N, C-alpha and C. Protein backbone atom coordinates (compact mmCIF):
# COMPACT_ATOMS: atom_id res chain seq x y z
N MET A 1 26.17 15.96 -43.45
CA MET A 1 25.87 15.08 -42.33
C MET A 1 25.12 13.86 -42.85
N LYS A 2 25.57 12.70 -42.47
CA LYS A 2 24.85 11.48 -42.78
C LYS A 2 23.81 11.23 -41.69
N ILE A 3 22.59 10.92 -42.12
CA ILE A 3 21.54 10.54 -41.18
C ILE A 3 21.03 9.18 -41.62
N PHE A 4 21.16 8.22 -40.72
CA PHE A 4 20.72 6.85 -40.99
C PHE A 4 19.24 6.74 -40.63
N LEU A 5 18.50 5.97 -41.44
CA LEU A 5 17.05 5.88 -41.30
C LEU A 5 16.61 4.42 -41.31
N ASP A 6 15.71 4.09 -40.42
CA ASP A 6 15.03 2.79 -40.49
C ASP A 6 13.59 2.99 -40.05
N THR A 7 12.70 2.21 -40.65
CA THR A 7 11.29 2.25 -40.27
C THR A 7 10.77 0.83 -40.13
N GLU A 8 9.69 0.72 -39.40
CA GLU A 8 8.89 -0.49 -39.37
C GLU A 8 7.51 -0.07 -39.83
N PHE A 9 6.84 -0.92 -40.61
CA PHE A 9 5.58 -0.52 -41.21
C PHE A 9 4.68 -1.73 -41.38
N THR A 10 3.43 -1.48 -41.74
CA THR A 10 2.41 -2.52 -41.72
C THR A 10 2.43 -3.47 -42.90
N GLU A 11 2.88 -3.03 -44.06
CA GLU A 11 2.89 -3.94 -45.20
C GLU A 11 3.81 -3.41 -46.30
N LEU A 12 4.28 -4.34 -47.14
CA LEU A 12 5.18 -4.00 -48.24
C LEU A 12 4.39 -3.60 -49.48
N THR A 13 3.57 -2.58 -49.34
CA THR A 13 2.83 -2.00 -50.45
C THR A 13 2.77 -0.49 -50.22
N SER A 14 2.31 0.23 -51.21
CA SER A 14 2.18 1.68 -51.05
C SER A 14 1.08 2.03 -50.05
N ARG A 15 0.27 1.07 -49.67
CA ARG A 15 -0.77 1.30 -48.67
C ARG A 15 -0.27 1.07 -47.25
N GLY A 16 0.99 0.69 -47.11
CA GLY A 16 1.56 0.46 -45.79
C GLY A 16 1.56 1.72 -44.95
N GLU A 17 1.63 1.54 -43.65
CA GLU A 17 1.65 2.67 -42.72
C GLU A 17 2.80 2.50 -41.74
N LEU A 18 3.38 3.61 -41.34
CA LEU A 18 4.47 3.57 -40.37
C LEU A 18 3.98 3.10 -39.00
N ILE A 19 4.80 2.24 -38.40
CA ILE A 19 4.60 1.83 -37.02
C ILE A 19 5.64 2.54 -36.15
N SER A 20 6.88 2.56 -36.64
CA SER A 20 7.96 3.23 -35.90
C SER A 20 9.01 3.71 -36.89
N ILE A 21 9.82 4.64 -36.42
CA ILE A 21 10.87 5.24 -37.25
C ILE A 21 12.04 5.64 -36.37
N ALA A 22 13.23 5.47 -36.91
CA ALA A 22 14.43 5.91 -36.19
C ALA A 22 15.35 6.64 -37.17
N LEU A 23 15.96 7.70 -36.67
CA LEU A 23 17.00 8.42 -37.39
C LEU A 23 18.17 8.58 -36.42
N VAL A 24 19.36 8.30 -36.93
CA VAL A 24 20.57 8.42 -36.12
C VAL A 24 21.61 9.11 -36.99
N ASP A 25 22.17 10.22 -36.49
CA ASP A 25 23.18 10.90 -37.30
C ASP A 25 24.57 10.34 -37.02
N GLU A 26 25.56 10.88 -37.71
CA GLU A 26 26.94 10.40 -37.58
C GLU A 26 27.46 10.47 -36.14
N THR A 27 26.95 11.42 -35.36
CA THR A 27 27.41 11.60 -33.98
C THR A 27 26.53 10.85 -32.98
N GLU A 28 25.60 10.05 -33.49
CA GLU A 28 24.64 9.26 -32.72
C GLU A 28 23.58 10.10 -32.01
N ARG A 29 23.29 11.25 -32.56
CA ARG A 29 22.11 11.99 -32.14
C ARG A 29 20.90 11.22 -32.68
N ILE A 30 19.91 10.97 -31.84
CA ILE A 30 18.85 10.02 -32.16
C ILE A 30 17.47 10.68 -32.15
N PHE A 31 16.65 10.27 -33.12
CA PHE A 31 15.21 10.52 -33.07
C PHE A 31 14.54 9.17 -33.26
N TYR A 32 13.68 8.80 -32.31
CA TYR A 32 12.96 7.53 -32.41
C TYR A 32 11.51 7.79 -32.05
N ALA A 33 10.60 7.26 -32.87
CA ALA A 33 9.18 7.45 -32.61
C ALA A 33 8.40 6.18 -32.89
N GLU A 34 7.37 6.01 -32.09
CA GLU A 34 6.39 4.96 -32.31
C GLU A 34 5.06 5.64 -32.57
N ILE A 35 4.46 5.32 -33.70
CA ILE A 35 3.21 5.96 -34.11
C ILE A 35 2.06 5.07 -33.66
N ILE A 36 1.00 5.67 -33.13
CA ILE A 36 -0.09 4.88 -32.57
C ILE A 36 -1.32 4.79 -33.46
N ASP A 37 -1.43 5.65 -34.47
CA ASP A 37 -2.68 5.69 -35.24
C ASP A 37 -2.51 5.08 -36.64
N TYR A 38 -2.02 3.86 -36.70
CA TYR A 38 -1.97 3.10 -37.94
C TYR A 38 -3.07 2.03 -37.88
N SER A 39 -3.38 1.45 -39.02
CA SER A 39 -4.45 0.45 -39.10
C SER A 39 -3.94 -0.90 -38.60
N THR A 40 -4.40 -1.31 -37.45
CA THR A 40 -3.93 -2.57 -36.86
C THR A 40 -4.42 -3.81 -37.61
N GLU A 41 -5.48 -3.67 -38.41
CA GLU A 41 -5.97 -4.84 -39.14
C GLU A 41 -4.98 -5.31 -40.20
N LYS A 42 -3.99 -4.49 -40.53
CA LYS A 42 -2.98 -4.88 -41.51
C LYS A 42 -1.86 -5.72 -40.88
N LEU A 43 -1.85 -5.80 -39.57
CA LEU A 43 -0.77 -6.51 -38.89
C LEU A 43 -0.94 -8.02 -39.01
N THR A 44 0.19 -8.69 -39.21
CA THR A 44 0.22 -10.15 -39.28
C THR A 44 0.79 -10.70 -37.97
N ASN A 45 0.79 -12.02 -37.85
CA ASN A 45 1.44 -12.63 -36.67
C ASN A 45 2.92 -12.25 -36.63
N TRP A 46 3.55 -12.15 -37.82
CA TRP A 46 4.96 -11.76 -37.87
C TRP A 46 5.16 -10.38 -37.25
N HIS A 47 4.29 -9.43 -37.60
CA HIS A 47 4.37 -8.09 -37.01
C HIS A 47 4.24 -8.15 -35.49
N GLN A 48 3.28 -8.90 -35.01
CA GLN A 48 3.06 -9.00 -33.56
C GLN A 48 4.30 -9.55 -32.85
N GLU A 49 4.88 -10.61 -33.41
CA GLU A 49 6.03 -11.27 -32.79
C GLU A 49 7.33 -10.50 -32.93
N ASN A 50 7.52 -9.80 -34.06
CA ASN A 50 8.81 -9.20 -34.36
C ASN A 50 8.86 -7.69 -34.25
N VAL A 51 7.76 -7.00 -34.44
CA VAL A 51 7.76 -5.54 -34.42
C VAL A 51 7.04 -5.01 -33.18
N ILE A 52 5.79 -5.35 -33.04
CA ILE A 52 4.98 -4.82 -31.94
C ILE A 52 5.58 -5.20 -30.59
N SER A 53 6.08 -6.42 -30.48
CA SER A 53 6.68 -6.86 -29.21
C SER A 53 7.96 -6.10 -28.87
N ASN A 54 8.56 -5.41 -29.86
CA ASN A 54 9.79 -4.64 -29.63
C ASN A 54 9.55 -3.16 -29.40
N LEU A 55 8.32 -2.73 -29.39
CA LEU A 55 8.02 -1.33 -29.07
C LEU A 55 8.11 -1.16 -27.57
N PHE A 56 8.61 -0.01 -27.11
CA PHE A 56 8.86 0.11 -25.68
C PHE A 56 8.48 1.46 -25.07
N LEU A 57 8.08 2.42 -25.87
CA LEU A 57 7.84 3.76 -25.34
C LEU A 57 6.47 3.88 -24.68
N GLU A 58 6.40 4.78 -23.72
CA GLU A 58 5.13 5.23 -23.14
C GLU A 58 4.68 6.43 -23.95
N PRO A 59 3.38 6.71 -24.03
CA PRO A 59 2.92 7.88 -24.79
C PRO A 59 3.56 9.18 -24.32
N GLY A 60 3.84 10.06 -25.29
CA GLY A 60 4.43 11.36 -24.99
C GLY A 60 5.83 11.49 -25.54
N LYS A 61 6.48 12.57 -25.17
CA LYS A 61 7.83 12.89 -25.63
C LYS A 61 8.80 12.81 -24.46
N GLU A 62 9.97 12.28 -24.74
CA GLU A 62 11.02 12.21 -23.73
C GLU A 62 12.33 12.59 -24.40
N THR A 63 13.13 13.38 -23.72
CA THR A 63 14.45 13.73 -24.20
C THR A 63 15.46 13.14 -23.23
N ILE A 64 16.35 12.32 -23.77
CA ILE A 64 17.41 11.70 -22.96
C ILE A 64 18.72 12.09 -23.60
N GLY A 65 19.45 13.00 -22.96
CA GLY A 65 20.68 13.49 -23.56
C GLY A 65 20.36 14.15 -24.89
N ARG A 66 20.97 13.65 -25.96
CA ARG A 66 20.74 14.19 -27.31
C ARG A 66 19.68 13.40 -28.07
N SER A 67 19.01 12.50 -27.38
CA SER A 67 18.01 11.64 -28.02
C SER A 67 16.61 12.17 -27.77
N THR A 68 15.79 12.14 -28.81
CA THR A 68 14.38 12.48 -28.71
C THR A 68 13.57 11.23 -28.96
N LEU A 69 12.71 10.89 -28.01
CA LEU A 69 11.85 9.72 -28.12
C LEU A 69 10.41 10.22 -28.07
N TYR A 70 9.58 9.69 -28.96
CA TYR A 70 8.20 10.15 -29.02
C TYR A 70 7.26 8.99 -29.34
N LYS A 71 6.14 8.94 -28.64
CA LYS A 71 5.09 7.99 -28.96
C LYS A 71 3.77 8.75 -29.00
N GLY A 72 3.11 8.70 -30.14
CA GLY A 72 1.83 9.39 -30.28
C GLY A 72 1.31 9.30 -31.70
N ASN A 73 0.39 10.19 -32.01
CA ASN A 73 -0.25 10.14 -33.34
C ASN A 73 0.69 10.71 -34.41
N LYS A 74 0.36 10.38 -35.65
CA LYS A 74 1.23 10.73 -36.78
C LYS A 74 1.36 12.24 -36.95
N LYS A 75 0.29 12.98 -36.80
CA LYS A 75 0.34 14.43 -37.00
C LYS A 75 1.32 15.08 -36.01
N GLU A 76 1.22 14.74 -34.74
CA GLU A 76 2.14 15.31 -33.73
C GLU A 76 3.55 14.78 -33.92
N PHE A 77 3.67 13.53 -34.35
CA PHE A 77 4.98 12.95 -34.60
C PHE A 77 5.73 13.74 -35.67
N VAL A 78 5.05 14.13 -36.75
CA VAL A 78 5.69 14.89 -37.82
C VAL A 78 6.19 16.23 -37.28
N ILE A 79 5.46 16.87 -36.39
CA ILE A 79 5.90 18.12 -35.77
C ILE A 79 7.18 17.88 -34.97
N GLU A 80 7.22 16.80 -34.19
CA GLU A 80 8.42 16.47 -33.40
C GLU A 80 9.61 16.18 -34.32
N LEU A 81 9.36 15.46 -35.41
CA LEU A 81 10.43 15.15 -36.36
C LEU A 81 11.00 16.42 -36.99
N LYS A 82 10.13 17.32 -37.40
CA LYS A 82 10.60 18.58 -37.99
C LYS A 82 11.40 19.39 -36.98
N THR A 83 10.97 19.38 -35.74
CA THR A 83 11.72 20.08 -34.69
C THR A 83 13.11 19.47 -34.53
N TRP A 84 13.18 18.15 -34.53
CA TRP A 84 14.47 17.47 -34.40
C TRP A 84 15.37 17.80 -35.59
N LEU A 85 14.80 17.83 -36.79
CA LEU A 85 15.58 18.12 -37.99
C LEU A 85 16.08 19.57 -38.03
N ASN A 86 15.42 20.47 -37.35
CA ASN A 86 15.84 21.89 -37.35
C ASN A 86 17.27 22.08 -36.86
N GLU A 87 17.80 21.13 -36.13
CA GLU A 87 19.19 21.18 -35.68
C GLU A 87 20.15 21.24 -36.87
N TYR A 88 19.69 20.79 -38.01
CA TYR A 88 20.54 20.66 -39.19
C TYR A 88 20.28 21.75 -40.23
N LEU A 89 19.64 22.84 -39.84
CA LEU A 89 19.28 23.88 -40.81
C LEU A 89 20.46 24.39 -41.62
N GLU A 90 21.63 24.42 -41.03
CA GLU A 90 22.82 24.94 -41.72
C GLU A 90 23.64 23.83 -42.36
N SER A 91 23.10 22.63 -42.43
CA SER A 91 23.83 21.49 -42.98
C SER A 91 23.13 20.96 -44.22
N GLU A 92 23.86 20.16 -44.98
CA GLU A 92 23.21 19.36 -46.01
C GLU A 92 23.29 17.93 -45.52
N CYS A 93 22.14 17.31 -45.39
CA CYS A 93 22.06 15.97 -44.84
C CYS A 93 21.70 14.96 -45.92
N ARG A 94 22.32 13.82 -45.83
CA ARG A 94 22.07 12.73 -46.76
C ARG A 94 21.50 11.57 -45.96
N ILE A 95 20.35 11.07 -46.37
CA ILE A 95 19.72 9.93 -45.71
C ILE A 95 20.31 8.63 -46.26
N ILE A 96 20.64 7.73 -45.35
CA ILE A 96 21.14 6.41 -45.71
C ILE A 96 20.20 5.40 -45.07
N ALA A 97 19.66 4.50 -45.87
CA ALA A 97 18.77 3.46 -45.36
C ALA A 97 19.16 2.14 -45.99
N ASP A 98 18.71 1.07 -45.39
CA ASP A 98 19.04 -0.27 -45.85
C ASP A 98 17.82 -0.86 -46.55
N VAL A 99 17.98 -1.25 -47.81
CA VAL A 99 16.86 -1.70 -48.64
C VAL A 99 15.79 -0.61 -48.53
N TYR A 100 16.13 0.53 -49.03
CA TYR A 100 15.47 1.80 -48.69
C TYR A 100 14.16 2.09 -49.39
N MET A 101 13.71 1.24 -50.27
CA MET A 101 12.54 1.57 -51.09
C MET A 101 11.34 2.02 -50.25
N TYR A 102 10.96 1.26 -49.26
CA TYR A 102 9.80 1.61 -48.46
C TYR A 102 10.15 2.65 -47.40
N ASP A 103 11.28 2.48 -46.74
CA ASP A 103 11.68 3.47 -45.72
C ASP A 103 11.66 4.88 -46.32
N TRP A 104 12.27 5.03 -47.48
CA TRP A 104 12.39 6.35 -48.08
C TRP A 104 11.03 6.91 -48.49
N VAL A 105 10.20 6.10 -49.11
CA VAL A 105 8.89 6.58 -49.55
C VAL A 105 8.04 6.98 -48.34
N PHE A 106 8.00 6.14 -47.32
CA PHE A 106 7.22 6.48 -46.13
C PHE A 106 7.77 7.74 -45.46
N PHE A 107 9.10 7.87 -45.42
CA PHE A 107 9.72 9.05 -44.81
C PHE A 107 9.40 10.30 -45.62
N ALA A 108 9.63 10.26 -46.92
CA ALA A 108 9.38 11.43 -47.77
C ALA A 108 7.91 11.83 -47.75
N ASP A 109 7.02 10.86 -47.69
CA ASP A 109 5.58 11.15 -47.64
C ASP A 109 5.19 11.96 -46.40
N LEU A 110 5.98 11.86 -45.35
CA LEU A 110 5.69 12.66 -44.14
C LEU A 110 5.73 14.16 -44.44
N PHE A 111 6.47 14.53 -45.49
CA PHE A 111 6.64 15.94 -45.86
C PHE A 111 5.90 16.30 -47.15
N GLY A 112 5.12 15.37 -47.67
CA GLY A 112 4.40 15.62 -48.91
C GLY A 112 5.14 15.15 -50.15
N GLY A 113 6.17 14.32 -49.97
CA GLY A 113 6.95 13.79 -51.08
C GLY A 113 8.38 14.30 -51.08
N ALA A 114 9.23 13.65 -51.87
CA ALA A 114 10.66 13.96 -51.88
C ALA A 114 10.97 15.39 -52.32
N LEU A 115 10.10 15.99 -53.12
CA LEU A 115 10.35 17.36 -53.56
C LEU A 115 9.91 18.41 -52.54
N HIS A 116 9.37 17.95 -51.41
CA HIS A 116 8.93 18.87 -50.37
C HIS A 116 9.64 18.64 -49.04
N LEU A 117 10.77 17.97 -49.11
CA LEU A 117 11.56 17.72 -47.91
C LEU A 117 12.06 19.02 -47.31
N PRO A 118 12.32 19.04 -45.99
CA PRO A 118 12.99 20.21 -45.42
C PRO A 118 14.31 20.46 -46.16
N ARG A 119 14.67 21.72 -46.29
CA ARG A 119 15.79 22.11 -47.17
C ARG A 119 17.13 21.49 -46.80
N MET A 120 17.31 21.03 -45.56
CA MET A 120 18.59 20.44 -45.19
C MET A 120 18.74 19.00 -45.70
N LEU A 121 17.63 18.39 -46.15
CA LEU A 121 17.66 17.00 -46.60
C LEU A 121 17.81 16.90 -48.10
N ASN A 122 18.82 16.19 -48.54
CA ASN A 122 19.00 15.93 -49.96
C ASN A 122 17.92 14.95 -50.39
N PHE A 123 17.34 15.14 -51.55
CA PHE A 123 16.24 14.30 -52.00
C PHE A 123 16.68 12.96 -52.57
N ILE A 124 17.98 12.72 -52.64
CA ILE A 124 18.48 11.45 -53.16
C ILE A 124 19.07 10.64 -51.99
N PRO A 125 18.36 9.58 -51.57
CA PRO A 125 18.88 8.76 -50.47
C PRO A 125 19.94 7.78 -50.97
N ILE A 126 20.68 7.23 -50.05
CA ILE A 126 21.70 6.22 -50.34
C ILE A 126 21.21 4.88 -49.80
N ASP A 127 21.33 3.84 -50.62
CA ASP A 127 20.87 2.51 -50.23
C ASP A 127 22.05 1.64 -49.82
N PHE A 128 22.04 1.19 -48.57
CA PHE A 128 23.12 0.36 -48.07
C PHE A 128 23.18 -1.00 -48.78
N ALA A 129 22.03 -1.58 -49.11
CA ALA A 129 22.04 -2.87 -49.80
C ALA A 129 22.77 -2.77 -51.14
N SER A 130 22.62 -1.65 -51.83
CA SER A 130 23.33 -1.44 -53.10
C SER A 130 24.83 -1.31 -52.87
N ILE A 131 25.22 -0.71 -51.76
CA ILE A 131 26.65 -0.63 -51.42
C ILE A 131 27.20 -2.03 -51.20
N LEU A 132 26.45 -2.86 -50.48
CA LEU A 132 26.90 -4.24 -50.27
C LEU A 132 27.08 -4.95 -51.61
N TYR A 133 26.09 -4.83 -52.47
CA TYR A 133 26.14 -5.49 -53.78
C TYR A 133 27.36 -5.00 -54.57
N SER A 134 27.64 -3.71 -54.53
CA SER A 134 28.78 -3.16 -55.27
C SER A 134 30.11 -3.70 -54.74
N GLN A 135 30.10 -4.18 -53.50
CA GLN A 135 31.31 -4.74 -52.91
C GLN A 135 31.31 -6.27 -52.95
N GLN A 136 30.42 -6.82 -53.78
CA GLN A 136 30.28 -8.26 -53.97
C GLN A 136 29.93 -8.99 -52.67
N ILE A 137 29.13 -8.33 -51.86
CA ILE A 137 28.59 -8.93 -50.65
C ILE A 137 27.10 -9.15 -50.90
N ASP A 138 26.63 -10.34 -50.59
CA ASP A 138 25.22 -10.66 -50.80
C ASP A 138 24.35 -9.65 -50.05
N PRO A 139 23.53 -8.87 -50.76
CA PRO A 139 22.70 -7.86 -50.07
C PRO A 139 21.66 -8.47 -49.15
N ASN A 140 21.50 -9.80 -49.21
CA ASN A 140 20.57 -10.48 -48.32
C ASN A 140 21.25 -11.01 -47.05
N ILE A 141 22.52 -10.67 -46.87
CA ILE A 141 23.26 -11.14 -45.70
C ILE A 141 22.58 -10.66 -44.41
N ASN A 142 22.60 -11.50 -43.41
CA ASN A 142 22.10 -11.10 -42.09
C ASN A 142 22.95 -9.93 -41.61
N ARG A 143 22.31 -8.82 -41.33
CA ARG A 143 23.05 -7.60 -40.97
C ARG A 143 23.84 -7.75 -39.67
N ASN A 144 23.42 -8.64 -38.79
CA ASN A 144 24.18 -8.87 -37.56
C ASN A 144 25.53 -9.53 -37.85
N LEU A 145 25.68 -10.17 -39.00
CA LEU A 145 26.93 -10.84 -39.34
C LEU A 145 27.99 -9.88 -39.86
N ILE A 146 27.60 -8.74 -40.38
CA ILE A 146 28.57 -7.82 -40.96
C ILE A 146 29.51 -7.28 -39.89
N SER A 147 28.96 -6.79 -38.82
CA SER A 147 29.79 -6.26 -37.74
C SER A 147 29.95 -7.25 -36.59
N GLN A 148 29.52 -8.47 -36.83
CA GLN A 148 29.56 -9.56 -35.85
C GLN A 148 28.55 -9.35 -34.72
N SER A 149 28.50 -8.17 -34.15
CA SER A 149 27.51 -7.91 -33.10
C SER A 149 27.38 -6.41 -32.94
N LEU A 150 26.28 -6.03 -32.41
CA LEU A 150 26.04 -4.62 -32.11
C LEU A 150 26.04 -4.51 -30.60
N ASN A 151 27.06 -3.89 -30.05
CA ASN A 151 27.15 -3.75 -28.60
C ASN A 151 26.28 -2.59 -28.17
N LEU A 152 25.09 -2.92 -27.70
CA LEU A 152 24.15 -1.89 -27.26
C LEU A 152 24.05 -1.83 -25.75
N MET A 153 25.02 -2.39 -25.08
CA MET A 153 24.95 -2.41 -23.62
C MET A 153 25.31 -1.04 -23.05
N ASP A 154 24.31 -0.30 -22.75
CA ASP A 154 24.45 1.03 -22.15
C ASP A 154 23.70 0.94 -20.83
N SER A 155 24.42 0.91 -19.72
CA SER A 155 23.83 0.58 -18.43
C SER A 155 22.72 1.52 -17.98
N ASN A 156 22.72 2.77 -18.43
CA ASN A 156 21.70 3.71 -17.97
C ASN A 156 20.78 4.12 -19.10
N SER A 157 20.51 3.20 -20.03
CA SER A 157 19.79 3.62 -21.22
C SER A 157 18.74 2.61 -21.65
N TYR A 158 17.76 3.10 -22.35
CA TYR A 158 16.74 2.28 -23.00
C TYR A 158 17.37 1.44 -24.12
N ILE A 159 18.52 1.82 -24.61
CA ILE A 159 19.13 1.18 -25.78
C ILE A 159 19.45 -0.29 -25.50
N SER A 160 19.82 -0.63 -24.28
CA SER A 160 20.19 -2.02 -23.97
C SER A 160 19.02 -2.97 -24.11
N LYS A 161 17.79 -2.48 -24.21
CA LYS A 161 16.59 -3.32 -24.32
C LYS A 161 16.22 -3.63 -25.76
N LEU A 162 16.93 -3.09 -26.73
CA LEU A 162 16.52 -3.19 -28.12
C LEU A 162 16.87 -4.52 -28.76
N ASN A 163 16.05 -4.90 -29.75
CA ASN A 163 16.25 -6.12 -30.52
C ASN A 163 16.05 -5.84 -32.00
N GLN A 164 16.49 -6.79 -32.84
CA GLN A 164 16.28 -6.67 -34.27
C GLN A 164 14.79 -6.52 -34.56
N HIS A 165 14.47 -5.74 -35.56
CA HIS A 165 13.11 -5.36 -35.98
C HIS A 165 12.52 -4.28 -35.09
N ASN A 166 13.34 -3.71 -34.25
CA ASN A 166 13.00 -2.43 -33.63
C ASN A 166 13.72 -1.42 -34.51
N ALA A 167 13.01 -0.38 -34.95
CA ALA A 167 13.61 0.57 -35.90
C ALA A 167 14.89 1.19 -35.36
N LEU A 168 14.96 1.47 -34.07
CA LEU A 168 16.17 2.08 -33.51
C LEU A 168 17.33 1.10 -33.51
N TYR A 169 17.08 -0.13 -33.12
CA TYR A 169 18.14 -1.15 -33.16
C TYR A 169 18.67 -1.28 -34.59
N ASP A 170 17.74 -1.45 -35.54
CA ASP A 170 18.14 -1.65 -36.93
C ASP A 170 18.89 -0.43 -37.48
N CYS A 171 18.50 0.75 -37.04
CA CYS A 171 19.17 1.97 -37.50
C CYS A 171 20.58 2.07 -36.93
N LEU A 172 20.75 1.76 -35.66
CA LEU A 172 22.09 1.76 -35.06
C LEU A 172 22.98 0.70 -35.70
N LEU A 173 22.40 -0.46 -36.01
CA LEU A 173 23.15 -1.51 -36.69
C LEU A 173 23.53 -1.06 -38.10
N LEU A 174 22.62 -0.41 -38.80
CA LEU A 174 22.92 0.14 -40.13
C LEU A 174 24.11 1.09 -40.07
N LYS A 175 24.09 2.00 -39.11
CA LYS A 175 25.19 2.97 -38.96
C LYS A 175 26.51 2.24 -38.76
N LYS A 176 26.53 1.28 -37.85
CA LYS A 176 27.76 0.55 -37.57
C LYS A 176 28.23 -0.23 -38.80
N ASN A 177 27.30 -0.90 -39.49
CA ASN A 177 27.66 -1.66 -40.69
C ASN A 177 28.14 -0.77 -41.82
N PHE A 178 27.47 0.35 -42.02
CA PHE A 178 27.88 1.31 -43.05
C PHE A 178 29.31 1.77 -42.78
N GLU A 179 29.59 2.15 -41.56
CA GLU A 179 30.93 2.62 -41.22
C GLU A 179 31.98 1.53 -41.45
N LYS A 180 31.64 0.30 -41.13
CA LYS A 180 32.60 -0.81 -41.32
C LYS A 180 32.85 -1.05 -42.82
N ILE A 181 31.79 -1.08 -43.63
CA ILE A 181 31.95 -1.34 -45.06
C ILE A 181 32.67 -0.17 -45.74
N VAL A 182 32.31 1.04 -45.43
CA VAL A 182 32.95 2.21 -46.05
C VAL A 182 34.42 2.27 -45.66
N GLN A 183 34.74 1.91 -44.42
CA GLN A 183 36.15 1.88 -43.99
C GLN A 183 36.95 0.90 -44.84
N LYS A 184 36.36 -0.22 -45.21
CA LYS A 184 37.05 -1.22 -46.05
C LYS A 184 37.25 -0.70 -47.47
N ILE A 185 36.28 0.09 -47.96
CA ILE A 185 36.36 0.58 -49.34
C ILE A 185 37.44 1.64 -49.48
N TYR A 186 37.51 2.54 -48.51
CA TYR A 186 38.44 3.66 -48.61
C TYR A 186 39.59 3.41 -47.70
C-alpha cells in the first residue's frame, strides 16, 4: 500500500517542530492532524500567512467517512496516528513524500526513529522530487502545474476549503501528481 505524506513544520532545521501532518493512502483513506503544542516563537510571517491561516480544525477528533481528523497535543496525536495505521497491520506500506527530507525525519521521529516504525511501514521512503528529476522534469516545478489543477470540490466536505501549504491539500496533490507521473512512465 502506498501512503502519501506531507507535513508543515516550524523551520528547515532538525530543531523544527510539526504543525500539521497528512497521510493519504491509495484509496484516499485520510489521516490529518494539527498539532497545538509546538513553539510559536519559531514562526515567521510566511508561516502565519501560508500555513497557520490554512489550519481549520477545532480541537478534538472527528471521523468523517474513512477520514480521521485530529487537533490536539503531540502525545495524543501520536496515539491517534498509531490507531489509524493499525488498519494496515497485514500490509506492507511504503511512504511517498515530496522533497521528503524533513517530512520523513519528523514523521519517523514520532516513533523514535526509522528503525522503530510500526511494522507495516517500510523504513525506506520514496521521494517524489527524485522521481521528477529522473524523468527530466525540474524538481522545483510548481506542483499545481503537473496535474494542471487539483479538483477538491466536494460539496459536503472540509476538503473544498483547502489551499496550498495545508498539509492535506499538498498530500492530495502529491497523490494525484504521483499517479500522473507514474502513469506516463509505465
